[in-house]
């Protein structure tokens, strides 16, 4: 079983190598995919490099911008950089105003900072998207 697991890791590493060398390396969606794989594997420096490349490759108005910014924000949160996370979540919302996760995380991050004015504003925008399971969010809005 360990040998099987090792061979899967080896294949994944080879795939990552092939992906990173392809002619489409300047393609935002490819860099986003590479970044997501690296993120899932816990390779956060490689993930960040890929997200930066993806964002640089994304043309203005690209449908990939919100996803790239959201993943970059998740990475920033994972490394404890809430300021960087907020910046990237805001960029995701700027690209796609109804995107639920960034709106929700912005409300929660501001709430954790006791910045209830901003927290409530982001929570209201999140609730306006009418996500599933709103009961809890309405309950927490009272906390602001």
N, C-alpha and C. Protein backbone atom coordinates (compact mmCIF):
# COMPACT_ATOMS: atom_id res chain seq x y z
N UNK A 1 0.84 -1.20 0.00
CA UNK A 1 0.00 0.00 0.00
C UNK A 1 0.88 1.25 0.00
N UNK A 2 1.95 1.23 0.79
CA UNK A 2 2.85 2.39 0.84
C UNK A 2 3.49 2.63 -0.53
N UNK A 3 3.82 1.55 -1.23
CA UNK A 3 4.41 1.68 -2.57
C UNK A 3 3.40 2.30 -3.53
N UNK A 4 2.14 1.90 -3.40
CA UNK A 4 1.09 2.46 -4.25
C UNK A 4 0.95 3.96 -3.99
N UNK A 5 0.94 4.34 -2.72
CA UNK A 5 0.82 5.74 -2.34
C UNK A 5 2.02 6.53 -2.87
N UNK A 6 3.21 5.93 -2.76
CA UNK A 6 4.43 6.58 -3.23
C UNK A 6 4.37 6.80 -4.75
N UNK A 7 3.86 5.79 -5.48
CA UNK A 7 3.79 5.93 -6.93
C UNK A 7 2.78 7.01 -7.33
N UNK A 8 1.68 7.17 -6.55
CA UNK A 8 0.71 8.23 -6.83
C UNK A 8 1.35 9.60 -6.64
N UNK A 9 2.16 9.73 -5.59
CA UNK A 9 2.86 10.99 -5.33
C UNK A 9 3.83 11.28 -6.47
N UNK A 10 4.53 10.24 -6.92
CA UNK A 10 5.49 10.40 -8.01
C UNK A 10 4.77 10.85 -9.29
N UNK A 11 3.63 10.23 -9.59
CA UNK A 11 2.85 10.60 -10.77
C UNK A 11 2.36 12.04 -10.65
N UNK A 12 1.89 12.43 -9.46
CA UNK A 12 1.42 13.80 -9.24
C UNK A 12 2.57 14.79 -9.44
N UNK A 13 3.74 14.44 -8.94
CA UNK A 13 4.90 15.31 -9.11
C UNK A 13 5.27 15.45 -10.58
N UNK A 14 5.22 14.34 -11.32
CA UNK A 14 5.51 14.38 -12.75
C UNK A 14 4.48 15.25 -13.48
N UNK A 15 3.22 15.09 -13.11
CA UNK A 15 2.16 15.88 -13.74
C UNK A 15 2.38 17.37 -13.48
N UNK A 16 2.74 17.70 -12.26
CA UNK A 16 3.02 19.10 -11.92
C UNK A 16 4.18 19.63 -12.76
N UNK A 17 5.20 18.81 -12.94
CA UNK A 17 6.35 19.20 -13.75
C UNK A 17 5.94 19.45 -15.19
N UNK A 18 5.14 18.55 -15.74
CA UNK A 18 4.67 18.70 -17.12
C UNK A 18 3.80 19.95 -17.24
N UNK A 19 2.88 20.13 -16.31
CA UNK A 19 2.01 21.31 -16.34
C UNK A 19 2.81 22.60 -16.32
N UNK A 20 3.80 22.65 -15.45
CA UNK A 20 4.55 23.90 -15.30
C UNK A 20 5.44 24.20 -16.50
N UNK A 21 5.72 23.19 -17.32
CA UNK A 21 6.58 23.38 -18.50
C UNK A 21 5.81 23.58 -19.79
N UNK A 22 4.50 23.50 -19.75
CA UNK A 22 3.74 23.56 -21.00
C UNK A 22 3.81 24.94 -21.62
N UNK A 23 3.49 24.98 -22.87
CA UNK A 23 3.51 26.25 -23.62
C UNK A 23 2.49 27.23 -23.06
N UNK A 24 1.49 26.71 -22.35
CA UNK A 24 0.44 27.57 -21.81
C UNK A 24 0.80 28.09 -20.42
N UNK A 25 2.07 28.09 -20.04
CA UNK A 25 2.43 28.47 -18.67
C UNK A 25 2.01 29.90 -18.33
N UNK A 26 1.73 30.71 -19.34
CA UNK A 26 1.25 32.06 -19.08
C UNK A 26 -0.26 32.14 -19.00
N UNK A 27 -0.93 30.99 -19.05
CA UNK A 27 -2.38 30.91 -19.03
C UNK A 27 -2.87 31.00 -17.58
N UNK A 28 -3.75 31.95 -17.30
CA UNK A 28 -4.23 32.17 -15.93
C UNK A 28 -4.89 30.93 -15.35
N UNK A 29 -5.72 30.24 -16.15
CA UNK A 29 -6.42 29.06 -15.62
C UNK A 29 -5.46 27.93 -15.29
N UNK A 30 -4.42 27.77 -16.10
CA UNK A 30 -3.42 26.73 -15.83
C UNK A 30 -2.67 27.06 -14.53
N UNK A 31 -2.25 28.31 -14.38
CA UNK A 31 -1.53 28.71 -13.16
C UNK A 31 -2.43 28.57 -11.93
N UNK A 32 -3.71 28.89 -12.08
CA UNK A 32 -4.65 28.71 -10.98
C UNK A 32 -4.72 27.24 -10.59
N UNK A 33 -4.81 26.35 -11.59
CA UNK A 33 -4.87 24.90 -11.31
C UNK A 33 -3.60 24.43 -10.61
N UNK A 34 -2.45 24.89 -11.09
CA UNK A 34 -1.18 24.52 -10.45
C UNK A 34 -1.17 25.01 -9.00
N UNK A 35 -1.63 26.24 -8.80
CA UNK A 35 -1.69 26.80 -7.45
C UNK A 35 -2.62 26.03 -6.53
N UNK A 36 -3.77 25.62 -7.05
CA UNK A 36 -4.72 24.86 -6.24
C UNK A 36 -4.15 23.49 -5.85
N UNK A 37 -3.47 22.84 -6.79
CA UNK A 37 -2.84 21.54 -6.48
C UNK A 37 -1.78 21.73 -5.40
N UNK A 38 -0.93 22.74 -5.57
CA UNK A 38 0.13 23.00 -4.59
C UNK A 38 -0.49 23.33 -3.22
N UNK A 39 -1.55 24.14 -3.21
CA UNK A 39 -2.24 24.51 -1.97
C UNK A 39 -2.76 23.26 -1.27
N UNK A 40 -3.43 22.40 -2.04
CA UNK A 40 -3.99 21.16 -1.48
C UNK A 40 -2.90 20.25 -0.93
N UNK A 41 -1.72 20.32 -1.50
CA UNK A 41 -0.60 19.49 -1.05
C UNK A 41 0.17 20.15 0.10
N UNK A 42 -0.22 21.37 0.48
CA UNK A 42 0.46 22.06 1.57
C UNK A 42 1.73 22.77 1.14
N UNK A 43 1.93 22.88 -0.17
CA UNK A 43 3.12 23.56 -0.71
C UNK A 43 2.77 25.02 -0.93
N UNK A 44 2.75 25.76 0.18
CA UNK A 44 2.17 27.11 0.15
C UNK A 44 3.00 28.12 -0.62
N UNK A 45 4.33 28.00 -0.59
CA UNK A 45 5.16 28.93 -1.37
C UNK A 45 4.93 28.72 -2.86
N UNK A 46 4.87 27.46 -3.30
CA UNK A 46 4.62 27.16 -4.71
C UNK A 46 3.22 27.63 -5.10
N UNK A 47 2.26 27.45 -4.19
CA UNK A 47 0.89 27.89 -4.46
C UNK A 47 0.86 29.41 -4.64
N UNK A 48 1.51 30.12 -3.75
CA UNK A 48 1.50 31.59 -3.85
C UNK A 48 2.15 32.04 -5.15
N UNK A 49 3.26 31.43 -5.52
CA UNK A 49 3.93 31.79 -6.78
C UNK A 49 2.99 31.58 -7.96
N UNK A 50 2.27 30.47 -7.94
CA UNK A 50 1.33 30.18 -9.04
C UNK A 50 0.17 31.18 -9.06
N UNK A 51 -0.34 31.56 -7.88
CA UNK A 51 -1.44 32.52 -7.84
C UNK A 51 -0.99 33.89 -8.34
N UNK A 52 0.24 34.27 -8.01
CA UNK A 52 0.78 35.55 -8.50
C UNK A 52 0.91 35.50 -10.02
N UNK A 53 1.42 34.39 -10.55
CA UNK A 53 1.55 34.23 -12.01
C UNK A 53 0.17 34.23 -12.67
N UNK A 54 -0.78 33.54 -12.04
CA UNK A 54 -2.14 33.47 -12.59
C UNK A 54 -2.74 34.86 -12.68
N UNK A 55 -2.58 35.64 -11.61
CA UNK A 55 -3.17 36.99 -11.59
C UNK A 55 -2.51 37.88 -12.63
N UNK A 56 -1.19 37.73 -12.79
CA UNK A 56 -0.47 38.53 -13.80
C UNK A 56 -0.91 38.15 -15.21
N UNK A 57 -1.23 36.88 -15.41
CA UNK A 57 -1.63 36.40 -16.73
C UNK A 57 -3.09 36.70 -17.06
N UNK A 58 -3.89 36.94 -16.03
CA UNK A 58 -5.33 37.18 -16.25
C UNK A 58 -5.54 38.56 -16.86
N UNK A 59 -6.23 38.57 -17.97
CA UNK A 59 -6.52 39.84 -18.64
C UNK A 59 -7.66 40.55 -17.90
N UNK A 60 -7.73 41.88 -17.98
CA UNK A 60 -8.82 42.60 -17.32
C UNK A 60 -10.17 42.02 -17.73
N UNK A 61 -11.03 41.80 -16.75
CA UNK A 61 -12.34 41.24 -17.01
C UNK A 61 -12.37 39.73 -17.15
N UNK A 62 -11.21 39.09 -16.98
CA UNK A 62 -11.14 37.63 -17.08
C UNK A 62 -12.05 36.97 -16.05
N UNK A 63 -12.71 35.89 -16.47
CA UNK A 63 -13.59 35.17 -15.54
C UNK A 63 -12.81 34.45 -14.46
N UNK A 64 -11.48 34.38 -14.57
CA UNK A 64 -10.65 33.66 -13.60
C UNK A 64 -10.23 34.54 -12.42
N UNK A 65 -10.33 35.84 -12.54
CA UNK A 65 -9.79 36.75 -11.52
C UNK A 65 -10.38 36.48 -10.14
N UNK A 66 -11.69 36.35 -10.04
CA UNK A 66 -12.32 36.14 -8.73
C UNK A 66 -11.82 34.85 -8.08
N UNK A 67 -11.69 33.79 -8.87
CA UNK A 67 -11.20 32.51 -8.33
C UNK A 67 -9.75 32.61 -7.88
N UNK A 68 -8.93 33.28 -8.68
CA UNK A 68 -7.52 33.46 -8.33
C UNK A 68 -7.41 34.23 -7.03
N UNK A 69 -8.12 35.35 -6.94
CA UNK A 69 -8.06 36.19 -5.74
C UNK A 69 -8.59 35.45 -4.51
N UNK A 70 -9.66 34.68 -4.69
CA UNK A 70 -10.23 33.92 -3.57
C UNK A 70 -9.23 32.88 -3.06
N UNK A 71 -8.60 32.15 -3.97
CA UNK A 71 -7.61 31.15 -3.55
C UNK A 71 -6.41 31.82 -2.87
N UNK A 72 -5.99 32.97 -3.41
CA UNK A 72 -4.86 33.70 -2.81
C UNK A 72 -5.23 34.16 -1.40
N UNK A 73 -6.48 34.57 -1.22
CA UNK A 73 -6.95 34.99 0.11
C UNK A 73 -6.96 33.81 1.07
N UNK A 74 -7.44 32.65 0.61
CA UNK A 74 -7.45 31.46 1.47
C UNK A 74 -6.03 31.11 1.90
N UNK A 75 -5.08 31.23 0.97
CA UNK A 75 -3.68 30.97 1.29
C UNK A 75 -3.18 31.97 2.35
N UNK A 76 -3.48 33.25 2.15
CA UNK A 76 -3.05 34.27 3.12
C UNK A 76 -3.63 33.98 4.51
N UNK A 77 -4.89 33.55 4.55
CA UNK A 77 -5.49 33.18 5.84
C UNK A 77 -4.73 32.01 6.47
N UNK A 78 -4.41 31.03 5.64
CA UNK A 78 -3.75 29.82 6.14
C UNK A 78 -2.40 30.14 6.77
N UNK A 79 -1.71 31.15 6.26
CA UNK A 79 -0.40 31.53 6.82
C UNK A 79 -0.53 32.63 7.88
N UNK A 80 -1.77 32.98 8.24
CA UNK A 80 -1.98 33.94 9.33
C UNK A 80 -1.90 35.40 8.92
N UNK A 81 -1.96 35.69 7.63
CA UNK A 81 -1.90 37.07 7.13
C UNK A 81 -3.32 37.56 6.86
N UNK A 82 -4.02 38.00 7.91
CA UNK A 82 -5.41 38.41 7.72
C UNK A 82 -5.51 39.67 6.89
N UNK A 83 -4.54 40.56 6.99
CA UNK A 83 -4.56 41.79 6.18
C UNK A 83 -4.45 41.45 4.69
N UNK A 84 -3.54 40.53 4.35
CA UNK A 84 -3.40 40.08 2.97
C UNK A 84 -4.66 39.36 2.50
N UNK A 85 -5.26 38.57 3.39
CA UNK A 85 -6.48 37.84 3.05
C UNK A 85 -7.59 38.83 2.72
N UNK A 86 -7.75 39.85 3.56
CA UNK A 86 -8.79 40.87 3.33
C UNK A 86 -8.58 41.54 1.98
N UNK A 87 -7.34 41.89 1.68
CA UNK A 87 -7.02 42.55 0.40
C UNK A 87 -7.44 41.66 -0.78
N UNK A 88 -7.11 40.37 -0.72
CA UNK A 88 -7.45 39.47 -1.83
C UNK A 88 -8.94 39.15 -1.88
N UNK A 89 -9.59 39.02 -0.72
CA UNK A 89 -11.04 38.81 -0.74
C UNK A 89 -11.75 40.02 -1.36
N UNK A 90 -11.29 41.23 -1.04
CA UNK A 90 -11.88 42.43 -1.63
C UNK A 90 -11.69 42.44 -3.14
N UNK A 91 -10.51 41.99 -3.60
CA UNK A 91 -10.26 41.93 -5.04
C UNK A 91 -11.17 40.90 -5.70
N UNK A 92 -11.44 39.79 -5.01
CA UNK A 92 -12.35 38.78 -5.55
C UNK A 92 -13.76 39.35 -5.69
N UNK A 93 -14.20 40.10 -4.68
CA UNK A 93 -15.53 40.71 -4.72
C UNK A 93 -15.59 41.81 -5.79
N UNK A 94 -14.50 42.54 -5.97
CA UNK A 94 -14.47 43.57 -7.02
C UNK A 94 -14.67 42.91 -8.39
N UNK A 95 -14.10 41.72 -8.56
CA UNK A 95 -14.22 41.01 -9.84
C UNK A 95 -15.58 40.34 -10.00
N UNK A 96 -16.15 39.88 -8.88
CA UNK A 96 -17.43 39.16 -8.92
C UNK A 96 -18.22 39.53 -7.66
N UNK A 97 -19.00 40.61 -7.72
CA UNK A 97 -19.65 41.18 -6.53
C UNK A 97 -20.58 40.25 -5.75
N UNK A 98 -21.11 39.22 -6.38
CA UNK A 98 -22.04 38.31 -5.69
C UNK A 98 -21.35 37.04 -5.17
N UNK A 99 -20.03 36.98 -5.24
CA UNK A 99 -19.30 35.78 -4.84
C UNK A 99 -19.41 35.59 -3.32
N UNK A 100 -20.01 34.47 -2.92
CA UNK A 100 -20.39 34.29 -1.51
C UNK A 100 -19.22 34.14 -0.55
N UNK A 101 -18.26 33.27 -0.85
CA UNK A 101 -17.19 33.00 0.12
C UNK A 101 -16.42 34.26 0.53
N UNK A 102 -15.96 35.07 -0.43
CA UNK A 102 -15.23 36.28 0.00
C UNK A 102 -16.08 37.22 0.84
N UNK A 103 -17.37 37.38 0.48
CA UNK A 103 -18.24 38.25 1.27
C UNK A 103 -18.35 37.74 2.71
N UNK A 104 -18.56 36.42 2.84
CA UNK A 104 -18.71 35.82 4.17
C UNK A 104 -17.42 35.94 4.97
N UNK A 105 -16.28 35.62 4.33
CA UNK A 105 -15.01 35.67 5.05
C UNK A 105 -14.64 37.10 5.44
N UNK A 106 -14.96 38.08 4.60
CA UNK A 106 -14.70 39.48 4.96
C UNK A 106 -15.49 39.85 6.21
N UNK A 107 -16.77 39.46 6.25
CA UNK A 107 -17.59 39.73 7.44
C UNK A 107 -16.97 39.08 8.67
N UNK A 108 -16.55 37.83 8.53
CA UNK A 108 -15.98 37.10 9.68
C UNK A 108 -14.64 37.66 10.11
N UNK A 109 -13.77 38.00 9.15
CA UNK A 109 -12.46 38.55 9.51
C UNK A 109 -12.60 39.90 10.21
N UNK A 110 -13.48 40.76 9.69
CA UNK A 110 -13.70 42.05 10.37
C UNK A 110 -14.33 41.83 11.74
N UNK A 111 -15.23 40.86 11.85
CA UNK A 111 -15.83 40.55 13.14
C UNK A 111 -14.79 40.11 14.16
N UNK A 112 -13.84 39.25 13.71
CA UNK A 112 -12.77 38.78 14.61
C UNK A 112 -11.91 39.93 15.09
N UNK A 113 -11.81 40.98 14.28
CA UNK A 113 -11.02 42.16 14.65
C UNK A 113 -11.82 43.14 15.49
N UNK A 114 -13.07 42.81 15.78
CA UNK A 114 -13.99 43.69 16.51
C UNK A 114 -14.30 44.96 15.72
N UNK A 115 -14.12 44.89 14.38
CA UNK A 115 -14.48 46.01 13.51
C UNK A 115 -15.91 45.71 13.03
N UNK A 116 -16.86 46.02 13.91
CA UNK A 116 -18.23 45.61 13.66
C UNK A 116 -18.92 46.42 12.57
N UNK A 117 -18.46 47.64 12.34
CA UNK A 117 -19.05 48.44 11.26
C UNK A 117 -18.78 47.78 9.91
N UNK A 118 -17.50 47.46 9.64
CA UNK A 118 -17.16 46.77 8.40
C UNK A 118 -17.73 45.36 8.38
N UNK A 119 -17.67 44.67 9.52
CA UNK A 119 -18.20 43.32 9.59
C UNK A 119 -19.66 43.25 9.21
N UNK A 120 -20.45 44.19 9.74
CA UNK A 120 -21.89 44.22 9.44
C UNK A 120 -22.14 44.55 7.97
N UNK A 121 -21.36 45.48 7.43
CA UNK A 121 -21.54 45.86 6.02
C UNK A 121 -21.28 44.67 5.10
N UNK A 122 -20.22 43.92 5.37
CA UNK A 122 -19.91 42.74 4.54
C UNK A 122 -20.93 41.63 4.77
N UNK A 123 -21.40 41.47 6.01
CA UNK A 123 -22.40 40.44 6.28
C UNK A 123 -23.71 40.77 5.55
N UNK A 124 -24.08 42.03 5.51
CA UNK A 124 -25.29 42.42 4.79
C UNK A 124 -25.16 42.12 3.30
N UNK A 125 -23.98 42.38 2.74
CA UNK A 125 -23.75 42.07 1.32
C UNK A 125 -23.81 40.57 1.10
N UNK A 126 -23.25 39.80 2.04
CA UNK A 126 -23.28 38.34 1.93
C UNK A 126 -24.72 37.84 1.98
N UNK A 127 -25.50 38.31 2.94
CA UNK A 127 -26.90 37.90 3.10
C UNK A 127 -27.71 38.27 1.85
N UNK A 128 -27.37 39.38 1.22
CA UNK A 128 -28.08 39.81 0.01
C UNK A 128 -27.91 38.82 -1.14
N UNK A 129 -26.88 37.97 -1.08
CA UNK A 129 -26.70 36.95 -2.13
C UNK A 129 -27.65 35.77 -1.92
N UNK A 130 -28.35 35.76 -0.80
CA UNK A 130 -29.30 34.70 -0.44
C UNK A 130 -28.68 33.30 -0.45
N UNK A 131 -27.59 33.15 0.31
CA UNK A 131 -26.97 31.82 0.37
C UNK A 131 -27.87 30.84 1.14
N UNK A 132 -27.60 29.56 0.98
CA UNK A 132 -28.34 28.54 1.74
C UNK A 132 -27.97 28.64 3.22
N UNK A 133 -28.86 28.24 4.09
CA UNK A 133 -28.55 28.20 5.53
C UNK A 133 -28.37 29.57 6.15
N UNK A 134 -29.26 30.48 5.85
CA UNK A 134 -29.11 31.86 6.35
C UNK A 134 -29.43 32.04 7.82
N UNK A 135 -30.11 31.09 8.44
CA UNK A 135 -30.51 31.27 9.84
C UNK A 135 -29.36 31.67 10.73
N UNK A 136 -28.24 30.98 10.61
CA UNK A 136 -27.07 31.28 11.43
C UNK A 136 -26.53 32.68 11.14
N UNK A 137 -26.46 33.06 9.87
CA UNK A 137 -25.93 34.37 9.52
C UNK A 137 -26.81 35.48 10.08
N UNK A 138 -28.14 35.32 9.98
CA UNK A 138 -29.02 36.33 10.56
C UNK A 138 -28.79 36.41 12.07
N UNK A 139 -28.56 35.27 12.70
CA UNK A 139 -28.29 35.26 14.13
C UNK A 139 -27.02 36.01 14.47
N UNK A 140 -25.98 35.84 13.66
CA UNK A 140 -24.71 36.51 13.97
C UNK A 140 -24.76 37.98 13.63
N UNK A 141 -25.66 38.39 12.72
CA UNK A 141 -25.76 39.81 12.39
C UNK A 141 -26.09 40.61 13.65
N UNK A 142 -26.84 40.03 14.55
CA UNK A 142 -27.13 40.68 15.82
C UNK A 142 -25.90 40.94 16.66
N UNK A 143 -24.82 40.16 16.43
CA UNK A 143 -23.56 40.35 17.16
C UNK A 143 -22.86 41.65 16.77
N UNK A 144 -23.19 42.16 15.58
CA UNK A 144 -22.57 43.40 15.11
C UNK A 144 -23.37 44.56 15.64
